[in-house]
């Protein structure tokens, strides 16, 4: 059942990236915040297992942490209204946060494989 939040995130990201409105949240910033909040919620429990998998100095943990900080900076940029030029539209913001989520899921999967191999 761990895959259900990921499936919801993937569906929401795809739906919003093609410009369609999501039920209950709409499109644009609503879709961005839905993805960001769900992404943070899915990621938070995995921090402890990532530390167990290789410690704070593990390359997988460091890359995951950097991507997490990038997601928080992106959320702060949306909150303040300050956007980089390459993220001019709401659809680009949705794709950016979805890409970060996909990368973090790949890192978490790799980290779990490394931990299982030990």
PDB file of N, CA and C in Angstrom:
ATOM      1  N   UNK A   1       0.793  -1.206   0.000  1.00  0.00           N
ATOM      2  CA  UNK A   1       0.000   0.000   0.000  1.00  0.00           C
ATOM      3  C   UNK A   1       0.837   1.273   0.000  1.00  0.00           C
ATOM      4  N   UNK A   2       2.160   1.106   0.096  1.00  0.00           N
ATOM      5  CA  UNK A   2       3.031   2.278   0.091  1.00  0.00           C
ATOM      6  C   UNK A   2       3.018   2.996  -1.250  1.00  0.00           C
ATOM      7  N   UNK A   3       2.593   2.336  -2.304  1.00  0.00           N
ATOM      8  CA  UNK A   3       2.651   2.914  -3.637  1.00  0.00           C
ATOM      9  C   UNK A   3       1.473   3.845  -3.926  1.00  0.00           C
ATOM     10  N   UNK A   4       0.427   3.829  -3.090  1.00  0.00           N
ATOM     11  CA  UNK A   4      -0.759   4.646  -3.363  1.00  0.00           C
ATOM     12  C   UNK A   4      -0.447   6.141  -3.383  1.00  0.00           C
ATOM     13  N   UNK A   5       0.282   6.711  -2.394  1.00  0.00           N
ATOM     14  CA  UNK A   5       0.603   8.145  -2.497  1.00  0.00           C
ATOM     15  C   UNK A   5       1.424   8.473  -3.748  1.00  0.00           C
ATOM     16  N   UNK A   6       2.326   7.593  -4.113  1.00  0.00           N
ATOM     17  CA  UNK A   6       3.116   7.823  -5.327  1.00  0.00           C
ATOM     18  C   UNK A   6       2.255   7.824  -6.567  1.00  0.00           C
ATOM     19  N   UNK A   7       1.282   6.928  -6.604  1.00  0.00           N
ATOM     20  CA  UNK A   7       0.365   6.874  -7.737  1.00  0.00           C
ATOM     21  C   UNK A   7      -0.480   8.141  -7.813  1.00  0.00           C
ATOM     22  N   UNK A   8      -0.936   8.619  -6.665  1.00  0.00           N
ATOM     23  CA  UNK A   8      -1.704   9.866  -6.622  1.00  0.00           C
ATOM     24  C   UNK A   8      -0.843  11.031  -7.106  1.00  0.00           C
ATOM     25  N   UNK A   9       0.412  11.079  -6.642  1.00  0.00           N
ATOM     26  CA  UNK A   9       1.321  12.144  -7.066  1.00  0.00           C
ATOM     27  C   UNK A   9       1.577  12.096  -8.565  1.00  0.00           C
ATOM     28  N   UNK A  10       1.833  10.909  -9.086  1.00  0.00           N
ATOM     29  CA  UNK A  10       2.112  10.778 -10.521  1.00  0.00           C
ATOM     30  C   UNK A  10       0.909  11.195 -11.359  1.00  0.00           C
ATOM     31  N   UNK A  11      -0.269  10.745 -10.949  1.00  0.00           N
ATOM     32  CA  UNK A  11      -1.474  11.117 -11.684  1.00  0.00           C
ATOM     33  C   UNK A  11      -1.741  12.610 -11.638  1.00  0.00           C
ATOM     34  N   UNK A  12      -1.581  13.199 -10.464  1.00  0.00           N
ATOM     35  CA  UNK A  12      -1.805  14.642 -10.320  1.00  0.00           C
ATOM     36  C   UNK A  12      -0.802  15.429 -11.147  1.00  0.00           C
ATOM     37  N   UNK A  13       0.447  14.998 -11.140  1.00  0.00           N
ATOM     38  CA  UNK A  13       1.479  15.703 -11.898  1.00  0.00           C
ATOM     39  C   UNK A  13       1.203  15.633 -13.391  1.00  0.00           C
ATOM     40  N   UNK A  14       0.868  14.449 -13.879  1.00  0.00           N
ATOM     41  CA  UNK A  14       0.589  14.291 -15.304  1.00  0.00           C
ATOM     42  C   UNK A  14      -0.629  15.102 -15.714  1.00  0.00           C
ATOM     43  N   UNK A  15      -1.676  15.031 -14.929  1.00  0.00           N
ATOM     44  CA  UNK A  15      -2.915  15.730 -15.232  1.00  0.00           C
ATOM     45  C   UNK A  15      -2.689  17.242 -15.263  1.00  0.00           C
ATOM     46  N   UNK A  16      -1.959  17.747 -14.280  1.00  0.00           N
ATOM     47  CA  UNK A  16      -1.716  19.191 -14.209  1.00  0.00           C
ATOM     48  C   UNK A  16      -0.728  19.644 -15.282  1.00  0.00           C
ATOM     49  N   UNK A  17       0.250  18.801 -15.605  1.00  0.00           N
ATOM     50  CA  UNK A  17       1.255  19.198 -16.593  1.00  0.00           C
ATOM     51  C   UNK A  17       0.663  19.354 -17.989  1.00  0.00           C
ATOM     52  N   UNK A  18      -0.409  18.628 -18.282  1.00  0.00           N
ATOM     53  CA  UNK A  18      -1.031  18.776 -19.601  1.00  0.00           C
ATOM     54  C   UNK A  18      -2.060  19.909 -19.621  1.00  0.00           C
ATOM     55  N   UNK A  19      -2.156  20.622 -18.485  1.00  0.00           N
ATOM     56  CA  UNK A  19      -3.003  21.815 -18.448  1.00  0.00           C
ATOM     57  C   UNK A  19      -4.427  21.575 -18.011  1.00  0.00           C
ATOM     58  N   UNK A  20      -4.745  20.397 -17.537  1.00  0.00           N
ATOM     59  CA  UNK A  20      -6.098  20.105 -17.089  1.00  0.00           C
ATOM     60  C   UNK A  20      -6.251  20.487 -15.618  1.00  0.00           C
ATOM     61  N   UNK A  21      -7.470  20.762 -15.226  1.00  0.00           N
ATOM     62  CA  UNK A  21      -7.722  21.093 -13.829  1.00  0.00           C
ATOM     63  C   UNK A  21      -7.909  19.828 -13.005  1.00  0.00           C
ATOM     64  N   UNK A  22      -7.312  19.827 -11.829  1.00  0.00           N
ATOM     65  CA  UNK A  22      -7.481  18.706 -10.907  1.00  0.00           C
ATOM     66  C   UNK A  22      -8.757  18.914 -10.110  1.00  0.00           C
ATOM     67  N   UNK A  23      -9.512  17.850  -9.865  1.00  0.00           N
ATOM     68  CA  UNK A  23     -10.704  18.010  -9.026  1.00  0.00           C
ATOM     69  C   UNK A  23     -10.316  18.538  -7.641  1.00  0.00           C
ATOM     70  N   UNK A  24     -11.069  19.453  -7.138  1.00  0.00           N
ATOM     71  CA  UNK A  24     -10.925  20.073  -5.809  1.00  0.00           C
ATOM     72  C   UNK A  24      -9.785  21.084  -5.695  1.00  0.00           C
ATOM     73  N   UNK A  25      -8.725  20.993  -6.503  1.00  0.00           N
ATOM     74  CA  UNK A  25      -7.602  21.916  -6.354  1.00  0.00           C
ATOM     75  C   UNK A  25      -7.394  22.807  -7.564  1.00  0.00           C
ATOM     76  N   UNK A  26      -8.000  22.483  -8.690  1.00  0.00           N
ATOM     77  CA  UNK A  26      -7.847  23.288  -9.887  1.00  0.00           C
ATOM     78  C   UNK A  26      -6.531  23.016 -10.582  1.00  0.00           C
ATOM     79  N   UNK A  27      -5.993  24.056 -11.190  1.00  0.00           N
ATOM     80  CA  UNK A  27      -4.719  23.914 -11.889  1.00  0.00           C
ATOM     81  C   UNK A  27      -3.774  24.981 -11.359  1.00  0.00           C
ATOM     82  N   UNK A  28      -2.618  25.047 -11.917  1.00  0.00           N
ATOM     83  CA  UNK A  28      -1.664  26.082 -11.541  1.00  0.00           C
ATOM     84  C   UNK A  28      -1.143  25.910 -10.140  1.00  0.00           C
ATOM     85  N   UNK A  29      -1.287  26.954  -9.344  1.00  0.00           N
ATOM     86  CA  UNK A  29      -0.723  26.935  -7.996  1.00  0.00           C
ATOM     87  C   UNK A  29      -1.392  25.897  -7.098  1.00  0.00           C
ATOM     88  N   UNK A  30      -2.670  25.660  -7.297  1.00  0.00           N
ATOM     89  CA  UNK A  30      -3.346  24.630  -6.512  1.00  0.00           C
ATOM     90  C   UNK A  30      -2.732  23.259  -6.759  1.00  0.00           C
ATOM     91  N   UNK A  31      -2.455  22.957  -8.008  1.00  0.00           N
ATOM     92  CA  UNK A  31      -1.812  21.679  -8.349  1.00  0.00           C
ATOM     93  C   UNK A  31      -0.391  21.639  -7.795  1.00  0.00           C
ATOM     94  N   UNK A  32       0.322  22.762  -7.888  1.00  0.00           N
ATOM     95  CA  UNK A  32       1.680  22.819  -7.344  1.00  0.00           C
ATOM     96  C   UNK A  32       1.674  22.506  -5.857  1.00  0.00           C
ATOM     97  N   UNK A  33       0.785  23.174  -5.111  1.00  0.00           N
ATOM     98  CA  UNK A  33       0.755  22.976  -3.662  1.00  0.00           C
ATOM     99  C   UNK A  33       0.300  21.572  -3.286  1.00  0.00           C
ATOM    100  N   UNK A  34      -0.611  21.010  -4.068  1.00  0.00           N
ATOM    101  CA  UNK A  34      -1.020  19.631  -3.813  1.00  0.00           C
ATOM    102  C   UNK A  34       0.167  18.694  -3.948  1.00  0.00           C
ATOM    103  N   UNK A  35       0.919  18.851  -5.033  1.00  0.00           N
ATOM    104  CA  UNK A  35       2.095  18.006  -5.242  1.00  0.00           C
ATOM    105  C   UNK A  35       3.156  18.259  -4.178  1.00  0.00           C
ATOM    106  N   UNK A  36       3.394  19.514  -3.846  1.00  0.00           N
ATOM    107  CA  UNK A  36       4.426  19.838  -2.870  1.00  0.00           C
ATOM    108  C   UNK A  36       4.088  19.262  -1.494  1.00  0.00           C
ATOM    109  N   UNK A  37       2.861  19.451  -1.043  1.00  0.00           N
ATOM    110  CA  UNK A  37       2.474  18.965   0.287  1.00  0.00           C
ATOM    111  C   UNK A  37       2.490  17.437   0.326  1.00  0.00           C
ATOM    112  N   UNK A  38       1.938  16.796  -0.702  1.00  0.00           N
ATOM    113  CA  UNK A  38       1.976  15.332  -0.737  1.00  0.00           C
ATOM    114  C   UNK A  38       3.413  14.822  -0.842  1.00  0.00           C
ATOM    115  N   UNK A  39       4.229  15.506  -1.622  1.00  0.00           N
ATOM    116  CA  UNK A  39       5.634  15.109  -1.756  1.00  0.00           C
ATOM    117  C   UNK A  39       6.378  15.212  -0.435  1.00  0.00           C
ATOM    118  N   UNK A  40       6.180  16.304   0.286  1.00  0.00           N
ATOM    119  CA  UNK A  40       6.831  16.458   1.591  1.00  0.00           C
ATOM    120  C   UNK A  40       6.321  15.399   2.569  1.00  0.00           C
ATOM    121  N   UNK A  41       5.021  15.117   2.522  1.00  0.00           N
ATOM    122  CA  UNK A  41       4.445  14.121   3.430  1.00  0.00           C
ATOM    123  C   UNK A  41       4.974  12.716   3.143  1.00  0.00           C
ATOM    124  N   UNK A  42       5.150  12.389   1.883  1.00  0.00           N
ATOM    125  CA  UNK A  42       5.674  11.073   1.519  1.00  0.00           C
ATOM    126  C   UNK A  42       7.159  10.976   1.854  1.00  0.00           C
ATOM    127  N   UNK A  43       7.870  12.062   1.729  1.00  0.00           N
ATOM    128  CA  UNK A  43       9.319  12.056   1.940  1.00  0.00           C
ATOM    129  C   UNK A  43       9.696  12.027   3.419  1.00  0.00           C
ATOM    130  N   UNK A  44       8.947  12.704   4.250  1.00  0.00           N
ATOM    131  CA  UNK A  44       9.331  12.881   5.653  1.00  0.00           C
ATOM    132  C   UNK A  44       9.602  11.570   6.401  1.00  0.00           C
ATOM    133  N   UNK A  45       8.767  10.537   6.282  1.00  0.00           N
ATOM    134  CA  UNK A  45       9.070   9.300   7.006  1.00  0.00           C
ATOM    135  C   UNK A  45      10.326   8.586   6.492  1.00  0.00           C
ATOM    136  N   UNK A  46      10.701   8.857   5.272  1.00  0.00           N
ATOM    137  CA  UNK A  46      11.856   8.176   4.690  1.00  0.00           C
ATOM    138  C   UNK A  46      13.195   8.727   5.118  1.00  0.00           C
ATOM    139  N   UNK A  47      13.205   9.865   5.789  1.00  0.00           N
ATOM    140  CA  UNK A  47      14.476  10.474   6.182  1.00  0.00           C
ATOM    141  C   UNK A  47      15.216   9.572   7.162  1.00  0.00           C
ATOM    142  N   UNK A  48      14.497   9.021   8.135  1.00  0.00           N
ATOM    143  CA  UNK A  48      15.138   8.138   9.113  1.00  0.00           C
ATOM    144  C   UNK A  48      15.725   6.894   8.478  1.00  0.00           C
ATOM    145  N   UNK A  49      14.978   6.290   7.551  1.00  0.00           N
ATOM    146  CA  UNK A  49      15.502   5.087   6.898  1.00  0.00           C
ATOM    147  C   UNK A  49      16.668   5.423   5.977  1.00  0.00           C
ATOM    148  N   UNK A  50      16.682   6.615   5.416  1.00  0.00           N
ATOM    149  CA  UNK A  50      17.812   7.017   4.581  1.00  0.00           C
ATOM    150  C   UNK A  50      19.068   7.165   5.422  1.00  0.00           C
ATOM    151  N   UNK A  51      18.920   7.687   6.620  1.00  0.00           N
ATOM    152  CA  UNK A  51      20.068   7.831   7.521  1.00  0.00           C
ATOM    153  C   UNK A  51      20.566   6.455   7.951  1.00  0.00           C
ATOM    154  N   UNK A  52      19.640   5.540   8.236  1.00  0.00           N
ATOM    155  CA  UNK A  52      20.021   4.179   8.605  1.00  0.00           C
ATOM    156  C   UNK A  52      20.725   3.471   7.465  1.00  0.00           C
ATOM    157  N   UNK A  53      20.302   3.773   6.233  1.00  0.00           N
ATOM    158  CA  UNK A  53      20.857   3.098   5.064  1.00  0.00           C
ATOM    159  C   UNK A  53      22.317   3.397   4.812  1.00  0.00           C
ATOM    160  N   UNK A  54      22.764   4.599   5.073  1.00  0.00           N
ATOM    161  CA  UNK A  54      24.155   4.921   4.789  1.00  0.00           C
ATOM    162  C   UNK A  54      24.716   6.056   5.611  1.00  0.00           C
ATOM    163  N   UNK A  55      23.905   6.632   6.460  1.00  0.00           N
ATOM    164  CA  UNK A  55      24.375   7.730   7.292  1.00  0.00           C
ATOM    165  C   UNK A  55      24.298   9.064   6.572  1.00  0.00           C
ATOM    166  N   UNK A  56      24.681  10.099   7.312  1.00  0.00           N
ATOM    167  CA  UNK A  56      24.606  11.459   6.771  1.00  0.00           C
ATOM    168  C   UNK A  56      25.584  11.701   5.635  1.00  0.00           C
ATOM    169  N   UNK A  57      26.625  10.917   5.550  1.00  0.00           N
ATOM    170  CA  UNK A  57      27.639  11.145   4.512  1.00  0.00           C
ATOM    171  C   UNK A  57      27.422  10.296   3.276  1.00  0.00           C
ATOM    172  N   UNK A  58      26.373   9.496   3.263  1.00  0.00           N
ATOM    173  CA  UNK A  58      26.070   8.672   2.096  1.00  0.00           C
ATOM    174  C   UNK A  58      25.758   9.583   0.905  1.00  0.00           C
ATOM    175  N   UNK A  59      26.309   9.286  -0.263  1.00  0.00           N
ATOM    176  CA  UNK A  59      26.004  10.113  -1.440  1.00  0.00           C
ATOM    177  C   UNK A  59      24.513  10.159  -1.754  1.00  0.00           C
ATOM    178  N   UNK A  60      23.804   9.064  -1.529  1.00  0.00           N
ATOM    179  CA  UNK A  60      22.366   9.060  -1.786  1.00  0.00           C
ATOM    180  C   UNK A  60      21.634   9.996  -0.836  1.00  0.00           C
ATOM    181  N   UNK A  61      22.035  10.009   0.424  1.00  0.00           N
ATOM    182  CA  UNK A  61      21.406  10.909   1.398  1.00  0.00           C
ATOM    183  C   UNK A  61      21.692  12.367   1.039  1.00  0.00           C
ATOM    184  N   UNK A  62      22.932  12.661   0.672  1.00  0.00           N
ATOM    185  CA  UNK A  62      23.315  14.040   0.344  1.00  0.00           C
ATOM    186  C   UNK A  62      22.528  14.546  -0.864  1.00  0.00           C
ATOM    187  N   UNK A  63      22.438  13.719  -1.915  1.00  0.00           N
ATOM    188  CA  UNK A  63      21.688  14.140  -3.114  1.00  0.00           C
ATOM    189  C   UNK A  63      20.210  14.310  -2.774  1.00  0.00           C
ATOM    190  N   UNK A  64      19.658  13.395  -1.987  1.00  0.00           N
ATOM    191  CA  UNK A  64      18.264  13.525  -1.576  1.00  0.00           C
ATOM    192  C   UNK A  64      18.023  14.782  -0.759  1.00  0.00           C
ATOM    193  N   UNK A  65      18.955  15.098   0.135  1.00  0.00           N
ATOM    194  CA  UNK A  65      18.822  16.304   0.948  1.00  0.00           C
ATOM    195  C   UNK A  65      18.893  17.563   0.086  1.00  0.00           C
ATOM    196  N   UNK A  66      19.797  17.577  -0.878  1.00  0.00           N
ATOM    197  CA  UNK A  66      19.920  18.733  -1.776  1.00  0.00           C
ATOM    198  C   UNK A  66      18.630  18.912  -2.583  1.00  0.00           C
ATOM    199  N   UNK A  67      18.074  17.811  -3.075  1.00  0.00           N
ATOM    200  CA  UNK A  67      16.807  17.909  -3.812  1.00  0.00           C
ATOM    201  C   UNK A  67      15.668  18.374  -2.908  1.00  0.00           C
ATOM    202  N   UNK A  68      15.671  17.927  -1.651  1.00  0.00           N
ATOM    203  CA  UNK A  68      14.655  18.382  -0.702  1.00  0.00           C
ATOM    204  C   UNK A  68      14.749  19.878  -0.442  1.00  0.00           C
ATOM    205  N   UNK A  69      15.974  20.360  -0.297  1.00  0.00           N
ATOM    206  CA  UNK A  69      16.166  21.802  -0.106  1.00  0.00           C
ATOM    207  C   UNK A  69      15.722  22.559  -1.354  1.00  0.00           C
ATOM    208  N   UNK A  70      16.025  22.017  -2.531  1.00  0.00           N
ATOM    209  CA  UNK A  70      15.590  22.646  -3.785  1.00  0.00           C
ATOM    210  C   UNK A  70      14.060  22.723  -3.845  1.00  0.00           C
ATOM    211  N   UNK A  71      13.378  21.666  -3.397  1.00  0.00           N
ATOM    212  CA  UNK A  71      11.911  21.686  -3.373  1.00  0.00           C
ATOM    213  C   UNK A  71      11.395  22.753  -2.404  1.00  0.00           C
ATOM    214  N   UNK A  72      12.061  22.887  -1.255  1.00  0.00           N
ATOM    215  CA  UNK A  72      11.644  23.923  -0.293  1.00  0.00           C
ATOM    216  C   UNK A  72      11.892  25.326  -0.837  1.00  0.00           C
ATOM    217  N   UNK A  73      12.997  25.521  -1.545  1.00  0.00           N
ATOM    218  CA  UNK A  73      13.279  26.824  -2.158  1.00  0.00           C
ATOM    219  C   UNK A  73      12.222  27.133  -3.221  1.00  0.00           C
ATOM    220  N   UNK A  74      11.851  26.118  -3.995  1.00  0.00           N
ATOM    221  CA  UNK A  74      10.813  26.297  -5.009  1.00  0.00           C
ATOM    222  C   UNK A  74       9.481  26.668  -4.357  1.00  0.00           C
ATOM    223  N   UNK A  75       9.141  26.018  -3.248  1.00  0.00           N
ATOM    224  CA  UNK A  75       7.912  26.354  -2.531  1.00  0.00           C
ATOM    225  C   UNK A  75       7.976  27.776  -1.965  1.00  0.00           C
ATOM    226  N   UNK A  76       9.134  28.167  -1.464  1.00  0.00           N
ATOM    227  CA  UNK A  76       9.296  29.533  -0.955  1.00  0.00           C
ATOM    228  C   UNK A  76       9.164  30.552  -2.083  1.00  0.00           C
ATOM    229  N   UNK A  77       9.690  30.215  -3.246  1.00  0.00           N
ATOM    230  CA  UNK A  77       9.588  31.120  -4.399  1.00  0.00           C
ATOM    231  C   UNK A  77       8.135  31.307  -4.813  1.00  0.00           C
ATOM    232  N   UNK A  78       7.365  30.239  -4.790  1.00  0.00           N
ATOM    233  CA  UNK A  78       5.947  30.351  -5.132  1.00  0.00           C
ATOM    234  C   UNK A  78       5.206  31.165  -4.081  1.00  0.00           C
ATOM    235  N   UNK A  79       5.547  30.961  -2.819  1.00  0.00           N
ATOM    236  CA  UNK A  79       4.894  31.691  -1.730  1.00  0.00           C
ATOM    237  C   UNK A  79       5.154  33.194  -1.835  1.00  0.00           C
ATOM    238  N   UNK A  80       6.392  33.564  -2.131  1.00  0.00           N
ATOM    239  CA  UNK A  80       6.754  34.982  -2.183  1.00  0.00           C
ATOM    240  C   UNK A  80       6.443  35.625  -3.522  1.00  0.00           C
ATOM    241  N   UNK A  81       6.164  34.804  -4.532  1.00  0.00           N
ATOM    242  CA  UNK A  81       5.890  35.347  -5.860  1.00  0.00           C
ATOM    243  C   UNK A  81       7.145  35.646  -6.663  1.00  0.00           C
ATOM    244  N   UNK A  82       8.301  35.290  -6.134  1.00  0.00           N
ATOM    245  CA  UNK A  82       9.563  35.496  -6.844  1.00  0.00           C
ATOM    246  C   UNK A  82       9.882  34.210  -7.588  1.00  0.00           C
ATOM    247  N   UNK A  83       9.841  34.278  -8.909  1.00  0.00           N
ATOM    248  CA  UNK A  83      10.080  33.090  -9.723  1.00  0.00           C
ATOM    249  C   UNK A  83      11.310  33.291 -10.592  1.00  0.00           C
ATOM    250  N   UNK A  84      12.077  32.220 -10.775  1.00  0.00           N
ATOM    251  CA  UNK A  84      13.151  32.317 -11.761  1.00  0.00           C
ATOM    252  C   UNK A  84      12.548  32.429 -13.164  1.00  0.00           C
ATOM    253  N   UNK A  85      13.275  33.009 -14.067  1.00  0.00           N
ATOM    254  CA  UNK A  85      12.759  33.237 -15.422  1.00  0.00           C
ATOM    255  C   UNK A  85      12.395  31.943 -16.138  1.00  0.00           C
ATOM    256  N   UNK A  86      13.101  30.857 -15.842  1.00  0.00           N
ATOM    257  CA  UNK A  86      12.831  29.602 -16.546  1.00  0.00           C
ATOM    258  C   UNK A  86      11.620  28.854 -15.983  1.00  0.00           C
ATOM    259  N   UNK A  87      11.010  29.378 -14.938  1.00  0.00           N
ATOM    260  CA  UNK A  87       9.770  28.816 -14.389  1.00  0.00           C
ATOM    261  C   UNK A  87       8.681  29.882 -14.415  1.00  0.00           C
ATOM    262  N   UNK A  88       8.399  30.380 -15.602  1.00  0.00           N
ATOM    263  CA  UNK A  88       7.491  31.510 -15.745  1.00  0.00           C
ATOM    264  C   UNK A  88       6.022  31.131 -15.618  1.00  0.00           C
ATOM    265  N   UNK A  89       5.661  29.902 -15.985  1.00  0.00           N
ATOM    266  CA  UNK A  89       4.246  29.521 -15.952  1.00  0.00           C
ATOM    267  C   UNK A  89       3.981  28.535 -14.818  1.00  0.00           C
ATOM    268  N   UNK A  90       2.712  28.427 -14.457  1.00  0.00           N
ATOM    269  CA  UNK A  90       2.336  27.484 -13.410  1.00  0.00           C
ATOM    270  C   UNK A  90       2.588  26.042 -13.838  1.00  0.00           C
ATOM    271  N   UNK A  91       2.383  25.744 -15.118  1.00  0.00           N
ATOM    272  CA  UNK A  91       2.639  24.381 -15.608  1.00  0.00           C
ATOM    273  C   UNK A  91       4.112  24.012 -15.448  1.00  0.00           C
ATOM    274  N   UNK A  92       5.006  24.964 -15.657  1.00  0.00           N
ATOM    275  CA  UNK A  92       6.435  24.699 -15.477  1.00  0.00           C
ATOM    276  C   UNK A  92       6.759  24.448 -14.006  1.00  0.00           C
ATOM    277  N   UNK A  93       6.081  25.142 -13.108  1.00  0.00           N
ATOM    278  CA  UNK A  93       6.269  24.896 -11.674  1.00  0.00           C
ATOM    279  C   UNK A  93       5.821  23.489 -11.302  1.00  0.00           C
ATOM    280  N   UNK A  94       4.701  23.058 -11.858  1.00  0.00           N
ATOM    281  CA  UNK A  94       4.195  21.710 -11.581  1.00  0.00           C
ATOM    282  C   UNK A  94       5.188  20.665 -12.086  1.00  0.00           C
ATOM    283  N   UNK A  95       5.696  20.862 -13.288  1.00  0.00           N
ATOM    284  CA  UNK A  95       6.670  19.919 -13.842  1.00  0.00           C
ATOM    285  C   UNK A  95       7.945  19.918 -13.001  1.00  0.00           C
ATOM    286  N   UNK A  96       8.374  21.075 -12.521  1.00  0.00           N
ATOM    287  CA  UNK A  96       9.595  21.156 -11.708  1.00  0.00           C
ATOM    288  C   UNK A  96       9.435  20.393 -10.395  1.00  0.00           C
ATOM    289  N   UNK A  97       8.334  20.603  -9.683  1.00  0.00           N
ATOM    290  CA  UNK A  97       8.157  19.906  -8.403  1.00  0.00           C
ATOM    291  C   UNK A  97       7.940  18.416  -8.636  1.00  0.00           C
ATOM    292  N   UNK A  98       7.243  18.059  -9.707  1.00  0.00           N
ATOM    293  CA  UNK A  98       7.044  16.637 -10.027  1.00  0.00           C
ATOM    294  C   UNK A  98       8.368  15.969 -10.367  1.00  0.00           C
ATOM    295  N   UNK A  99       9.246  16.674 -11.069  1.00  0.00           N
ATOM    296  CA  UNK A  99      10.561  16.117 -11.411  1.00  0.00           C
ATOM    297  C   UNK A  99      11.395  15.879 -10.161  1.00  0.00           C
ATOM    298  N   UNK A 100      11.344  16.811  -9.238  1.00  0.00           N
ATOM    299  CA  UNK A 100      12.071  16.633  -7.974  1.00  0.00           C
ATOM    300  C   UNK A 100      11.530  15.416  -7.233  1.00  0.00           C
ATOM    301  N   UNK A 101      10.218  15.259  -7.215  1.00  0.00           N
ATOM    302  CA  UNK A 101       9.609  14.116  -6.531  1.00  0.00           C
ATOM    303  C   UNK A 101      10.046  12.805  -7.183  1.00  0.00           C
ATOM    304  N   UNK A 102      10.041  12.751  -8.499  1.00  0.00           N
ATOM    305  CA  UNK A 102      10.453  11.531  -9.206  1.00  0.00           C
ATOM    306  C   UNK A 102      11.908  11.191  -8.883  1.00  0.00           C
ATOM    307  N   UNK A 103      12.777  12.194  -8.888  1.00  0.00           N
ATOM    308  CA  UNK A 103      14.183  11.949  -8.555  1.00  0.00           C
ATOM    309  C   UNK A 103      14.341  11.454  -7.120  1.00  0.00           C
ATOM    310  N   UNK A 104      13.582  12.039  -6.201  1.00  0.00           N
ATOM    311  CA  UNK A 104      13.681  11.615  -4.799  1.00  0.00           C
ATOM    312  C   UNK A 104      13.151  10.194  -4.600  1.00  0.00           C
ATOM    313  N   UNK A 105      12.131   9.806  -5.343  1.00  0.00           N
ATOM    314  CA  UNK A 105      11.639   8.431  -5.269  1.00  0.00           C
ATOM    315  C   UNK A 105      12.698   7.468  -5.789  1.00  0.00           C
ATOM    316  N   UNK A 106      13.364   7.835  -6.884  1.00  0.00           N
ATOM    317  CA  UNK A 106      14.435   6.986  -7.419  1.00  0.00           C
ATOM    318  C   UNK A 106      15.576   6.849  -6.411  1.00  0.00           C
ATOM    319  N   UNK A 107      15.916   7.932  -5.747  1.00  0.00           N
ATOM    320  CA  UNK A 107      16.983   7.888  -4.736  1.00  0.00           C
ATOM    321  C   UNK A 107      16.557   7.026  -3.554  1.00  0.00           C
ATOM    322  N   UNK A 108      15.310   7.163  -3.112  1.00  0.00           N
ATOM    323  CA  UNK A 108      14.826   6.351  -1.996  1.00  0.00           C
ATOM    324  C   UNK A 108      14.839   4.863  -2.349  1.00  0.00           C
ATOM    325  N   UNK A 109      14.495   4.546  -3.595  1.00  0.00           N
ATOM    326  CA  UNK A 109      14.517   3.153  -4.041  1.00  0.00           C
ATOM    327  C   UNK A 109      15.948   2.623  -4.049  1.00  0.00           C
ATOM    328  N   UNK A 110      16.871   3.426  -4.543  1.00  0.00           N
ATOM    329  CA  UNK A 110      18.271   3.017  -4.559  1.00  0.00           C
ATOM    330  C   UNK A 110      18.805   2.862  -3.142  1.00  0.00           C
ATOM    331  N   UNK A 111      18.431   3.764  -2.267  1.00  0.00           N
ATOM    332  CA  UNK A 111      18.881   3.696  -0.870  1.00  0.00           C
ATOM    333  C   UNK A 111      18.340   2.436  -0.183  1.00  0.00           C
ATOM    334  N   UNK A 112      17.099   2.074  -0.474  1.00  0.00           N
ATOM    335  CA  UNK A 112      16.523   0.858   0.106  1.00  0.00           C
ATOM    336  C   UNK A 112      17.257  -0.373  -0.405  1.00  0.00           C
ATOM    337  N   UNK A 113      17.636  -0.360  -1.683  1.00  0.00           N
ATOM    338  CA  UNK A 113      18.381  -1.485  -2.250  1.00  0.00           C
ATOM    339  C   UNK A 113      19.759  -1.610  -1.603  1.00  0.00           C
ATOM    340  N   UNK A 114      20.404  -0.475  -1.358  1.00  0.00           N
ATOM    341  CA  UNK A 114      21.721  -0.489  -0.703  1.00  0.00           C
ATOM    342  C   UNK A 114      21.594  -1.009   0.722  1.00  0.00           C
ATOM    343  N   UNK A 115      20.562  -0.562   1.435  1.00  0.00           N
ATOM    344  CA  UNK A 115      20.353  -0.995   2.813  1.00  0.00           C
ATOM    345  C   UNK A 115      20.035  -2.497   2.872  1.00  0.00           C
ATOM    346  N   UNK A 116      19.283  -2.994   1.905  1.00  0.00           N
ATOM    347  CA  UNK A 116      18.939  -4.417   1.895  1.00  0.00           C
ATOM    348  C   UNK A 116      20.153  -5.293   1.581  1.00  0.00           C
ATOM    349  N   UNK A 117      21.089  -4.737   0.830  1.00  0.00           N
ATOM    350  CA  UNK A 117      22.290  -5.495   0.452  1.00  0.00           C
ATOM    351  C   UNK A 117      23.271  -5.636   1.603  1.00  0.00           C
ATOM    352  N   UNK A 118      23.116  -4.834   2.639  1.00  0.00           N
ATOM    353  CA  UNK A 118      24.059  -4.882   3.773  1.00  0.00           C
ATOM    354  C   UNK A 118      23.789  -6.016   4.690  1.00  0.00           C
TER     355      UNK A 118
END
